Each structure stands twice: as structure tokens, then as C-alpha cells.
Amino acid sequence: MNQTKPFPTVSVFGVPFSKMDMKDTVKYLTEAVKSGKPHQVITANPIMVMTAENNPEYKAMMQSAEIIVPDGTGIVWAAGVGGDPLEGRVTGFDLLHELLRVGETYRWKFYLLGTTAEVIQEAANRLQMQYPAAIICGYRDGFFGPEEDAAVIEEIRAASPDILFVARGADNQEPWIAKHKQALQVPVVMGVGGSFDIISGKLKRAPKVFQKLRLEWFYRLLKEPSRYKRMLALPKFVVKVLRERENVTKTS
């Protein structure tokens, strides 16, 4: 079910992307924190849009999110081809850092959830050093099953964060947030993918040249060849956009 958003959006195959730039996105999420009401932030790419195309439940989950930002270059390109262009990317990695930077001013509390125990601890330590006035109020790894959800949610609620960053893998990260955002009662809950791996030093972010050429996805593939199966969705997305260019940005 598509919601009416309090900001301009463009639909890319039925997935409503925010047209706000980074500055306005941070402003919107600052108000979300102040509201105290749960807001799910999805940082989406073409692979997720293709998943939504093939899975109605996943699409409905995405459409129910309070805000979806264009993390992938392909999304910006597709919106332009469809005739309703976006300002540019709002990457999850950069948005995470912007929220922590603003969080220093407001003394926001942050909880980090996901990846391995070693990575999440190192990421928490590095972020606390980088943003000393922000409060890392808790963290834990993402290796738990549905039978532990209630205990994990209780642990997070007890820490009472303003923002929760979740990294649990592409397939269950966003659905897990959507399912539990009301129980979590955290004002802003955002999926951050592999950001903790980069922050902890386990992985390196793509060099500037790859970023400028918009080939970060290719750099990640070179570093993690096991991602190739997921990456197969990218050429399919390109073909779909070119074949259906007049329908790309039509609301569905």
C-alpha cells in the first residue's frame, strides 16, 4: 500500500524514492527523532527494486517505509530515463555519518545491530571516537534467529536509542525492521548494509575514482566475488528500464 509522503517522491517501478537531497533528508530525520514515532529508513538500490518487482510482499514492505532514499547510482539513472529526475544519490554510508554528526549537537543515543561480534564492537569503538558527543548506547551482533527477536527488541528498548542502525543482510534486514519497528519504538531505524564492515576496517570503501565513475558496485564485486549472484539483477534492471522507459516512474 503506497503512503502519501510529506515530501516529494518519484516512483521507480512502484517504489517511492525521496527526492530530497542529503541536507533535507537529515532535516526530515531530525524532526522524526523529535517526534518520537517510529520511522523506517530504507537506503535502496536497483537490486532491491528488482526484488520488489518479483516479490509483492517485499514491494509492500518497501512502500510501507516512511522514507526510501536513492542509495544506488542506478536508481538516479532510472528516474532520469523515466522523465522524473532525482537530485542525486543519498548513500546510506554518508547518511549514517551525517546523522551521527548532527547527533553530537543533540546528544542523540545510537544503537548498532548486526554483522559479527568483533566487527560491531570495533565499529562502535571507532564511531564513538569519531563522534565523541554522540552516545553509542549499545550494540550487538546480528546472528540471532526469530526465537530471539523478543529478547533483542527488549535489549534495544532498554537502551532507549534515538536511532537504530541495522546491518543484517539484504534479504532480511528491511523486512525485520518493518516487522518490528512498532515494538522497537525507536524514532529512526535504518538499514545500513555493509557500512559497519567499512567503519570497522574489515572492508575498504571504494576509492574515489570508483565513486566518481559510479562504479562502487563493481569495486565491491571485485572484493567480494561471492556477490555475483545478487549482482545479476543489475543488467536485468538496466534492460527493464530501457524497455519500459515510459512506465519507469509511473506510480503502481
C-alpha atoms as a PDB file:
ATOM      1  CA  MET A   1       0.000   0.000   0.000  1.00  0.00           C
ATOM      2  CA  ASN A   2       1.565   3.290  -1.093  1.00  0.00           C
ATOM      3  CA  GLN A   3       1.610   6.018   1.523  1.00  0.00           C
ATOM      4  CA  THR A   4       1.322   9.740   0.864  1.00  0.00           C
ATOM      5  CA  LYS A   5       4.680  11.151   1.912  1.00  0.00           C
ATOM      6  CA  PRO A   6       5.250  14.596   3.472  1.00  0.00           C
ATOM      7  CA  PHE A   7       7.993  15.248   0.886  1.00  0.00           C
ATOM      8  CA  PRO A   8       8.319  14.929  -2.915  1.00  0.00           C
ATOM      9  CA  THR A   9       8.914  11.423  -4.269  1.00  0.00           C
ATOM     10  CA  VAL A  10       9.465   9.670  -7.575  1.00  0.00           C
ATOM     11  CA  SER A  11       8.215   6.149  -8.155  1.00  0.00           C
ATOM     12  CA  VAL A  12      10.704   3.730  -9.707  1.00  0.00           C
ATOM     13  CA  PHE A  13       8.642   0.680 -10.698  1.00  0.00           C
ATOM     14  CA  GLY A  14       6.264   1.380  -7.833  1.00  0.00           C
ATOM     15  CA  VAL A  15       8.924   2.017  -5.165  1.00  0.00           C
ATOM     16  CA  PRO A  16       8.612   5.624  -3.891  1.00  0.00           C
ATOM     17  CA  PHE A  17      12.033   7.302  -3.632  1.00  0.00           C
ATOM     18  CA  SER A  18      12.524  10.564  -1.776  1.00  0.00           C
ATOM     19  CA  LYS A  19      13.565  13.476  -3.982  1.00  0.00           C
ATOM     20  CA  MET A  20      15.200  15.250  -1.037  1.00  0.00           C
ATOM     21  CA  ASP A  21      18.943  15.823  -1.058  1.00  0.00           C
ATOM     22  CA  MET A  22      21.193  14.885   1.874  1.00  0.00           C
ATOM     23  CA  LYS A  23      20.628  18.158   3.738  1.00  0.00           C
ATOM     24  CA  ASP A  24      16.838  17.939   3.581  1.00  0.00           C
ATOM     25  CA  THR A  25      16.876  14.222   4.384  1.00  0.00           C
ATOM     26  CA  VAL A  26      18.846  14.880   7.569  1.00  0.00           C
ATOM     27  CA  LYS A  27      16.451  17.718   8.443  1.00  0.00           C
ATOM     28  CA  TYR A  28      13.456  15.393   7.953  1.00  0.00           C
ATOM     29  CA  LEU A  29      15.040  12.681  10.118  1.00  0.00           C
ATOM     30  CA  THR A  30      15.914  15.230  12.798  1.00  0.00           C
ATOM     31  CA  GLU A  31      12.213  16.040  13.036  1.00  0.00           C
ATOM     32  CA  ALA A  32      11.479  12.301  13.052  1.00  0.00           C
ATOM     33  CA  VAL A  33      13.695  11.855  16.114  1.00  0.00           C
ATOM     34  CA  LYS A  34      11.941  14.752  17.835  1.00  0.00           C
ATOM     35  CA  SER A  35       8.534  13.208  17.058  1.00  0.00           C
ATOM     36  CA  GLY A  36       9.390  10.009  18.914  1.00  0.00           C
ATOM     37  CA  LYS A  37       7.351   7.997  16.403  1.00  0.00           C
ATOM     38  CA  PRO A  38       8.954   5.044  14.553  1.00  0.00           C
ATOM     39  CA  HIS A  39      10.304   5.847  11.094  1.00  0.00           C
ATOM     40  CA  GLN A  40      11.857   3.199   8.848  1.00  0.00           C
ATOM     41  CA  VAL A  41      14.595   4.450   6.524  1.00  0.00           C
ATOM     42  CA  ILE A  42      15.439   2.252   3.539  1.00  0.00           C
ATOM     43  CA  THR A  43      18.595   3.003   1.544  1.00  0.00           C
ATOM     44  CA  ALA A  44      17.651   1.282  -1.687  1.00  0.00           C
ATOM     45  CA  ASN A  45      19.433   0.202  -4.851  1.00  0.00           C
ATOM     46  CA  PRO A  46      18.393  -1.461  -8.139  1.00  0.00           C
ATOM     47  CA  ILE A  47      18.803  -4.970  -6.688  1.00  0.00           C
ATOM     48  CA  MET A  48      16.171  -4.174  -4.049  1.00  0.00           C
ATOM     49  CA  VAL A  49      13.823  -2.709  -6.672  1.00  0.00           C
ATOM     50  CA  MET A  50      14.155  -5.883  -8.740  1.00  0.00           C
ATOM     51  CA  THR A  51      13.455  -7.963  -5.622  1.00  0.00           C
ATOM     52  CA  ALA A  52      10.300  -5.881  -5.113  1.00  0.00           C
ATOM     53  CA  GLU A  53       9.299  -6.480  -8.743  1.00  0.00           C
ATOM     54  CA  ASN A  54       9.470 -10.237  -8.204  1.00  0.00           C
ATOM     55  CA  ASN A  55       8.071 -10.316  -4.658  1.00  0.00           C
ATOM     56  CA  PRO A  56       4.801  -8.461  -3.903  1.00  0.00           C
ATOM     57  CA  GLU A  57       5.317  -8.810  -0.139  1.00  0.00           C
ATOM     58  CA  TYR A  58       8.749  -7.204  -0.382  1.00  0.00           C
ATOM     59  CA  LYS A  59       7.325  -4.370  -2.502  1.00  0.00           C
ATOM     60  CA  ALA A  60       4.515  -3.777   0.010  1.00  0.00           C
ATOM     61  CA  MET A  61       7.115  -3.703   2.783  1.00  0.00           C
ATOM     62  CA  MET A  62       9.146  -1.086   0.903  1.00  0.00           C
ATOM     63  CA  GLN A  63       6.056   1.001   0.165  1.00  0.00           C
ATOM     64  CA  SER A  64       5.180   0.996   3.874  1.00  0.00           C
ATOM     65  CA  ALA A  65       8.512   2.561   4.878  1.00  0.00           C
ATOM     66  CA  GLU A  66       8.416   6.187   5.975  1.00  0.00           C
ATOM     67  CA  ILE A  67      11.278   7.131   3.641  1.00  0.00           C
ATOM     68  CA  ILE A  68      13.316   5.426   0.915  1.00  0.00           C
ATOM     69  CA  VAL A  69      16.485   7.180  -0.229  1.00  0.00           C
ATOM     70  CA  PRO A  70      18.301   6.506  -3.537  1.00  0.00           C
ATOM     71  CA  ASP A  71      21.477   4.762  -2.421  1.00  0.00           C
ATOM     72  CA  GLY A  72      22.299   3.284  -5.823  1.00  0.00           C
ATOM     73  CA  THR A  73      23.507   5.169  -8.899  1.00  0.00           C
ATOM     74  CA  GLY A  74      21.168   3.037 -10.996  1.00  0.00           C
ATOM     75  CA  ILE A  75      18.145   4.479  -9.227  1.00  0.00           C
ATOM     76  CA  VAL A  76      19.162   8.043 -10.115  1.00  0.00           C
ATOM     77  CA  TRP A  77      19.774   6.966 -13.716  1.00  0.00           C
ATOM     78  CA  ALA A  78      16.407   5.155 -13.964  1.00  0.00           C
ATOM     79  CA  ALA A  79      14.477   8.150 -12.606  1.00  0.00           C
ATOM     80  CA  GLY A  80      16.152  10.346 -15.232  1.00  0.00           C
ATOM     81  CA  VAL A  81      15.315   7.909 -18.030  1.00  0.00           C
ATOM     82  CA  GLY A  82      11.727   7.826 -16.782  1.00  0.00           C
ATOM     83  CA  GLY A  83      11.499  11.603 -17.004  1.00  0.00           C
ATOM     84  CA  ASP A  84      11.226  12.425 -13.290  1.00  0.00           C
ATOM     85  CA  PRO A  85      14.832  13.017 -12.197  1.00  0.00           C
ATOM     86  CA  LEU A  86      16.279  12.843  -8.692  1.00  0.00           C
ATOM     87  CA  GLU A  87      18.719  15.359  -7.204  1.00  0.00           C
ATOM     88  CA  GLY A  88      21.334  12.633  -6.799  1.00  0.00           C
ATOM     89  CA  ARG A  89      22.298   9.809  -4.500  1.00  0.00           C
ATOM     90  CA  VAL A  90      21.784   9.840  -0.756  1.00  0.00           C
ATOM     91  CA  THR A  91      24.053   6.961   0.210  1.00  0.00           C
ATOM     92  CA  GLY A  92      23.404   5.018   3.385  1.00  0.00           C
ATOM     93  CA  PHE A  93      27.055   5.219   4.405  1.00  0.00           C
ATOM     94  CA  ASP A  94      27.126   9.016   4.163  1.00  0.00           C
ATOM     95  CA  LEU A  95      23.683   9.384   5.759  1.00  0.00           C
ATOM     96  CA  LEU A  96      24.828   7.307   8.743  1.00  0.00           C
ATOM     97  CA  HIS A  97      27.761   9.662   9.283  1.00  0.00           C
ATOM     98  CA  GLU A  98      25.616  12.791   8.817  1.00  0.00           C
ATOM     99  CA  LEU A  99      23.158  11.557  11.454  1.00  0.00           C
ATOM    100  CA  LEU A 100      25.995  10.880  13.888  1.00  0.00           C
ATOM    101  CA  ARG A 101      27.432  14.326  13.196  1.00  0.00           C
ATOM    102  CA  VAL A 102      24.080  16.002  13.882  1.00  0.00           C
ATOM    103  CA  GLY A 103      23.586  13.627  16.803  1.00  0.00           C
ATOM    104  CA  GLU A 104      26.567  15.213  18.527  1.00  0.00           C
ATOM    105  CA  THR A 105      24.683  18.516  18.693  1.00  0.00           C
ATOM    106  CA  TYR A 106      21.534  16.937  20.101  1.00  0.00           C
ATOM    107  CA  ARG A 107      23.289  14.289  22.218  1.00  0.00           C
ATOM    108  CA  TRP A 108      21.312  11.567  20.448  1.00  0.00           C
ATOM    109  CA  LYS A 109      21.678   7.951  21.520  1.00  0.00           C
ATOM    110  CA  PHE A 110      22.596   5.369  18.847  1.00  0.00           C
ATOM    111  CA  TYR A 111      22.298   1.581  18.927  1.00  0.00           C
ATOM    112  CA  LEU A 112      24.201  -0.603  16.432  1.00  0.00           C
ATOM    113  CA  LEU A 113      22.807  -4.002  15.453  1.00  0.00           C
ATOM    114  CA  GLY A 114      24.257  -6.519  13.037  1.00  0.00           C
ATOM    115  CA  THR A 115      27.268  -8.278  11.499  1.00  0.00           C
ATOM    116  CA  THR A 116      29.722 -10.209  13.727  1.00  0.00           C
ATOM    117  CA  ALA A 117      30.521  -9.514  17.381  1.00  0.00           C
ATOM    118  CA  GLU A 118      34.077  -8.440  16.516  1.00  0.00           C
ATOM    119  CA  VAL A 119      33.047  -6.103  13.689  1.00  0.00           C
ATOM    120  CA  ILE A 120      30.200  -4.430  15.564  1.00  0.00           C
ATOM    121  CA  GLN A 121      32.385  -3.827  18.632  1.00  0.00           C
ATOM    122  CA  GLU A 122      35.148  -2.276  16.553  1.00  0.00           C
ATOM    123  CA  ALA A 123      32.634  -0.169  14.585  1.00  0.00           C
ATOM    124  CA  ALA A 124      31.087   1.064  17.848  1.00  0.00           C
ATOM    125  CA  ASN A 125      34.508   1.980  19.255  1.00  0.00           C
ATOM    126  CA  ARG A 126      35.571   3.844  16.122  1.00  0.00           C
ATOM    127  CA  LEU A 127      32.282   5.753  15.799  1.00  0.00           C
ATOM    128  CA  GLN A 128      32.403   6.772  19.459  1.00  0.00           C
ATOM    129  CA  MET A 129      35.917   8.128  18.961  1.00  0.00           C
ATOM    130  CA  GLN A 130      34.940   9.921  15.753  1.00  0.00           C
ATOM    131  CA  TYR A 131      31.761  11.419  17.250  1.00  0.00           C
ATOM    132  CA  PRO A 132      32.503  11.733  20.985  1.00  0.00           C
ATOM    133  CA  ALA A 133      29.443  13.861  21.779  1.00  0.00           C
ATOM    134  CA  ALA A 134      27.071  11.314  20.258  1.00  0.00           C
ATOM    135  CA  ILE A 135      26.133   8.444  22.569  1.00  0.00           C
ATOM    136  CA  ILE A 136      26.635   4.852  21.429  1.00  0.00           C
ATOM    137  CA  CYS A 137      24.189   3.408  23.949  1.00  0.00           C
ATOM    138  CA  GLY A 138      24.524  -0.219  22.882  1.00  0.00           C
ATOM    139  CA  TYR A 139      25.428  -2.719  20.206  1.00  0.00           C
ATOM    140  CA  ARG A 140      25.158  -6.419  19.456  1.00  0.00           C
ATOM    141  CA  ASP A 141      25.810  -8.813  16.595  1.00  0.00           C
ATOM    142  CA  GLY A 142      23.162  -9.750  14.052  1.00  0.00           C
ATOM    143  CA  PHE A 143      23.400 -13.511  14.394  1.00  0.00           C
ATOM    144  CA  PHE A 144      20.121 -14.402  16.063  1.00  0.00           C
ATOM    145  CA  GLY A 145      17.000 -16.202  14.906  1.00  0.00           C
ATOM    146  CA  PRO A 146      13.283 -15.377  15.207  1.00  0.00           C
ATOM    147  CA  GLU A 147      13.119 -17.103  18.587  1.00  0.00           C
ATOM    148  CA  GLU A 148      15.476 -14.430  19.974  1.00  0.00           C
ATOM    149  CA  ASP A 149      13.704 -11.415  18.418  1.00  0.00           C
ATOM    150  CA  ALA A 150      11.738 -10.582  21.560  1.00  0.00           C
ATOM    151  CA  ALA A 151      14.861 -10.606  23.755  1.00  0.00           C
ATOM    152  CA  VAL A 152      16.825  -8.474  21.267  1.00  0.00           C
ATOM    153  CA  ILE A 153      13.946  -5.972  20.996  1.00  0.00           C
ATOM    154  CA  GLU A 154      13.747  -5.760  24.792  1.00  0.00           C
ATOM    155  CA  GLU A 155      17.502  -5.153  24.972  1.00  0.00           C
ATOM    156  CA  ILE A 156      17.244  -2.315  22.447  1.00  0.00           C
ATOM    157  CA  ARG A 157      14.210  -0.750  24.128  1.00  0.00           C
ATOM    158  CA  ALA A 158      16.031  -0.817  27.471  1.00  0.00           C
ATOM    159  CA  ALA A 159      18.871   1.197  25.892  1.00  0.00           C
ATOM    160  CA  SER A 160      16.289   3.723  24.595  1.00  0.00           C
ATOM    161  CA  PRO A 161      18.143   4.876  21.455  1.00  0.00           C
ATOM    162  CA  ASP A 162      17.024   7.748  19.243  1.00  0.00           C
ATOM    163  CA  ILE A 163      18.432   5.990  16.163  1.00  0.00           C
ATOM    164  CA  LEU A 164      18.978   2.299  15.461  1.00  0.00           C
ATOM    165  CA  PHE A 165      21.298   1.218  12.650  1.00  0.00           C
ATOM    166  CA  VAL A 166      20.703  -2.355  11.437  1.00  0.00           C
ATOM    167  CA  ALA A 167      23.024  -4.482   9.265  1.00  0.00           C
ATOM    168  CA  ARG A 168      21.572  -7.970   8.832  1.00  0.00           C
ATOM    169  CA  GLY A 169      21.973  -8.752   5.140  1.00  0.00           C
ATOM    170  CA  ALA A 170      19.945  -7.713   2.132  1.00  0.00           C
ATOM    171  CA  ASP A 171      17.319 -10.424   2.360  1.00  0.00           C
ATOM    172  CA  ASN A 172      16.079  -9.922   5.919  1.00  0.00           C
ATOM    173  CA  GLN A 173      17.341  -6.516   7.040  1.00  0.00           C
ATOM    174  CA  GLU A 174      14.442  -4.361   5.819  1.00  0.00           C
ATOM    175  CA  PRO A 175      11.699  -6.973   6.435  1.00  0.00           C
ATOM    176  CA  TRP A 176      12.971  -7.401  10.020  1.00  0.00           C
ATOM    177  CA  ILE A 177      12.836  -3.647  10.616  1.00  0.00           C
ATOM    178  CA  ALA A 178       9.351  -3.370   9.091  1.00  0.00           C
ATOM    179  CA  LYS A 179       8.055  -6.250  11.180  1.00  0.00           C
ATOM    180  CA  HIS A 180       9.407  -4.965  14.479  1.00  0.00           C
ATOM    181  CA  LYS A 181       9.558  -1.153  14.173  1.00  0.00           C
ATOM    182  CA  GLN A 182       6.430  -0.622  16.281  1.00  0.00           C
ATOM    183  CA  ALA A 183       7.678  -2.984  19.008  1.00  0.00           C
ATOM    184  CA  LEU A 184      11.135  -1.372  18.951  1.00  0.00           C
ATOM    185  CA  GLN A 185       9.699   2.123  19.485  1.00  0.00           C
ATOM    186  CA  VAL A 186      12.871   3.757  18.144  1.00  0.00           C
ATOM    187  CA  PRO A 187      12.215   7.042  16.292  1.00  0.00           C
ATOM    188  CA  VAL A 188      14.564   6.284  13.378  1.00  0.00           C
ATOM    189  CA  VAL A 189      15.507   2.749  12.288  1.00  0.00           C
ATOM    190  CA  MET A 190      17.744   2.481   9.247  1.00  0.00           C
ATOM    191  CA  GLY A 191      19.261  -0.432   7.356  1.00  0.00           C
ATOM    192  CA  VAL A 192      22.950   0.202   6.726  1.00  0.00           C
ATOM    193  CA  GLY A 193      24.085  -2.875   4.769  1.00  0.00           C
ATOM    194  CA  GLY A 194      27.859  -3.282   4.823  1.00  0.00           C
ATOM    195  CA  SER A 195      28.609   0.065   6.485  1.00  0.00           C
ATOM    196  CA  PHE A 196      29.857  -1.476   9.740  1.00  0.00           C
ATOM    197  CA  ASP A 197      32.333  -3.640   7.803  1.00  0.00           C
ATOM    198  CA  ILE A 198      33.815  -0.480   6.269  1.00  0.00           C
ATOM    199  CA  ILE A 199      33.731   1.541   9.512  1.00  0.00           C
ATOM    200  CA  SER A 200      35.447  -1.260  11.452  1.00  0.00           C
ATOM    201  CA  GLY A 201      38.188  -1.509   8.837  1.00  0.00           C
ATOM    202  CA  LYS A 202      37.231  -5.033   7.749  1.00  0.00           C
ATOM    203  CA  LEU A 203      36.445  -3.738   4.258  1.00  0.00           C
ATOM    204  CA  LYS A 204      37.593  -0.614   2.440  1.00  0.00           C
ATOM    205  CA  ARG A 205      35.185   1.781   0.776  1.00  0.00           C
ATOM    206  CA  ALA A 206      35.599   2.080  -2.969  1.00  0.00           C
ATOM    207  CA  PRO A 207      38.410   4.513  -3.914  1.00  0.00           C
ATOM    208  CA  LYS A 208      37.372   7.984  -5.056  1.00  0.00           C
ATOM    209  CA  VAL A 209      37.925   7.108  -8.691  1.00  0.00           C
ATOM    210  CA  PHE A 210      35.361   4.295  -8.467  1.00  0.00           C
ATOM    211  CA  GLN A 211      32.944   6.638  -6.656  1.00  0.00           C
ATOM    212  CA  LYS A 212      33.327   9.341  -9.324  1.00  0.00           C
ATOM    213  CA  LEU A 213      32.778   6.811 -12.108  1.00  0.00           C
ATOM    214  CA  ARG A 214      29.789   5.456 -10.165  1.00  0.00           C
ATOM    215  CA  LEU A 215      31.357   2.018 -10.101  1.00  0.00           C
ATOM    216  CA  GLU A 216      31.283   1.321  -6.359  1.00  0.00           C
ATOM    217  CA  TRP A 217      29.205  -1.792  -7.070  1.00  0.00           C
ATOM    218  CA  PHE A 218      31.969  -3.076  -9.361  1.00  0.00           C
ATOM    219  CA  TYR A 219      34.634  -2.450  -6.715  1.00  0.00           C
ATOM    220  CA  ARG A 220      32.584  -4.405  -4.170  1.00  0.00           C
ATOM    221  CA  LEU A 221      32.202  -7.244  -6.658  1.00  0.00           C
ATOM    222  CA  LEU A 222      35.976  -7.358  -7.165  1.00  0.00           C
ATOM    223  CA  LYS A 223      36.478  -7.502  -3.401  1.00  0.00           C
ATOM    224  CA  GLU A 224      33.611  -9.935  -2.755  1.00  0.00           C
ATOM    225  CA  PRO A 225      33.178 -12.229  -5.788  1.00  0.00           C
ATOM    226  CA  SER A 226      30.526 -14.188  -3.864  1.00  0.00           C
ATOM    227  CA  ARG A 227      28.169 -11.249  -4.505  1.00  0.00           C
ATOM    228  CA  TYR A 228      27.968 -12.043  -8.230  1.00  0.00           C
ATOM    229  CA  LYS A 229      24.617 -13.849  -7.974  1.00  0.00           C
ATOM    230  CA  ARG A 230      22.979 -10.779  -6.428  1.00  0.00           C
ATOM    231  CA  MET A 231      24.693  -8.563  -8.991  1.00  0.00           C
ATOM    232  CA  LEU A 232      22.977 -10.423 -11.831  1.00  0.00           C
ATOM    233  CA  ALA A 233      19.924  -8.297 -11.055  1.00  0.00           C
ATOM    234  CA  LEU A 234      21.765  -5.175 -12.267  1.00  0.00           C
ATOM    235  CA  PRO A 235      21.777  -5.909 -16.022  1.00  0.00           C
ATOM    236  CA  LYS A 236      18.164  -7.076 -15.730  1.00  0.00           C
ATOM    237  CA  PHE A 237      17.299  -3.737 -14.141  1.00  0.00           C
ATOM    238  CA  VAL A 238      19.028  -1.809 -16.956  1.00  0.00           C
ATOM    239  CA  VAL A 239      17.168  -3.788 -19.630  1.00  0.00           C
ATOM    240  CA  LYS A 240      13.844  -3.304 -17.832  1.00  0.00           C
ATOM    241  CA  VAL A 241      14.369   0.465 -17.568  1.00  0.00           C
ATOM    242  CA  LEU A 242      15.265   0.788 -21.250  1.00  0.00           C
ATOM    243  CA  ARG A 243      12.385  -1.414 -22.392  1.00  0.00           C
ATOM    244  CA  GLU A 244       9.793   0.259 -20.185  1.00  0.00           C
ATOM    245  CA  ARG A 245      11.180   3.792 -20.014  1.00  0.00           C
ATOM    246  CA  GLU A 246       7.710   5.386 -20.349  1.00  0.00           C
ATOM    247  CA  ASN A 247       6.486   3.364 -17.347  1.00  0.00           C
ATOM    248  CA  VAL A 248       9.534   3.565 -15.056  1.00  0.00           C
ATOM    249  CA  THR A 249       8.274   6.458 -12.962  1.00  0.00           C
ATOM    250  CA  LYS A 250       4.552   5.750 -13.161  1.00  0.00           C
ATOM    251  CA  THR A 251       3.013   5.052  -9.756  1.00  0.00           C
ATOM    252  CA  SER A 252       1.924   1.426  -9.362  1.00  0.00           C
END
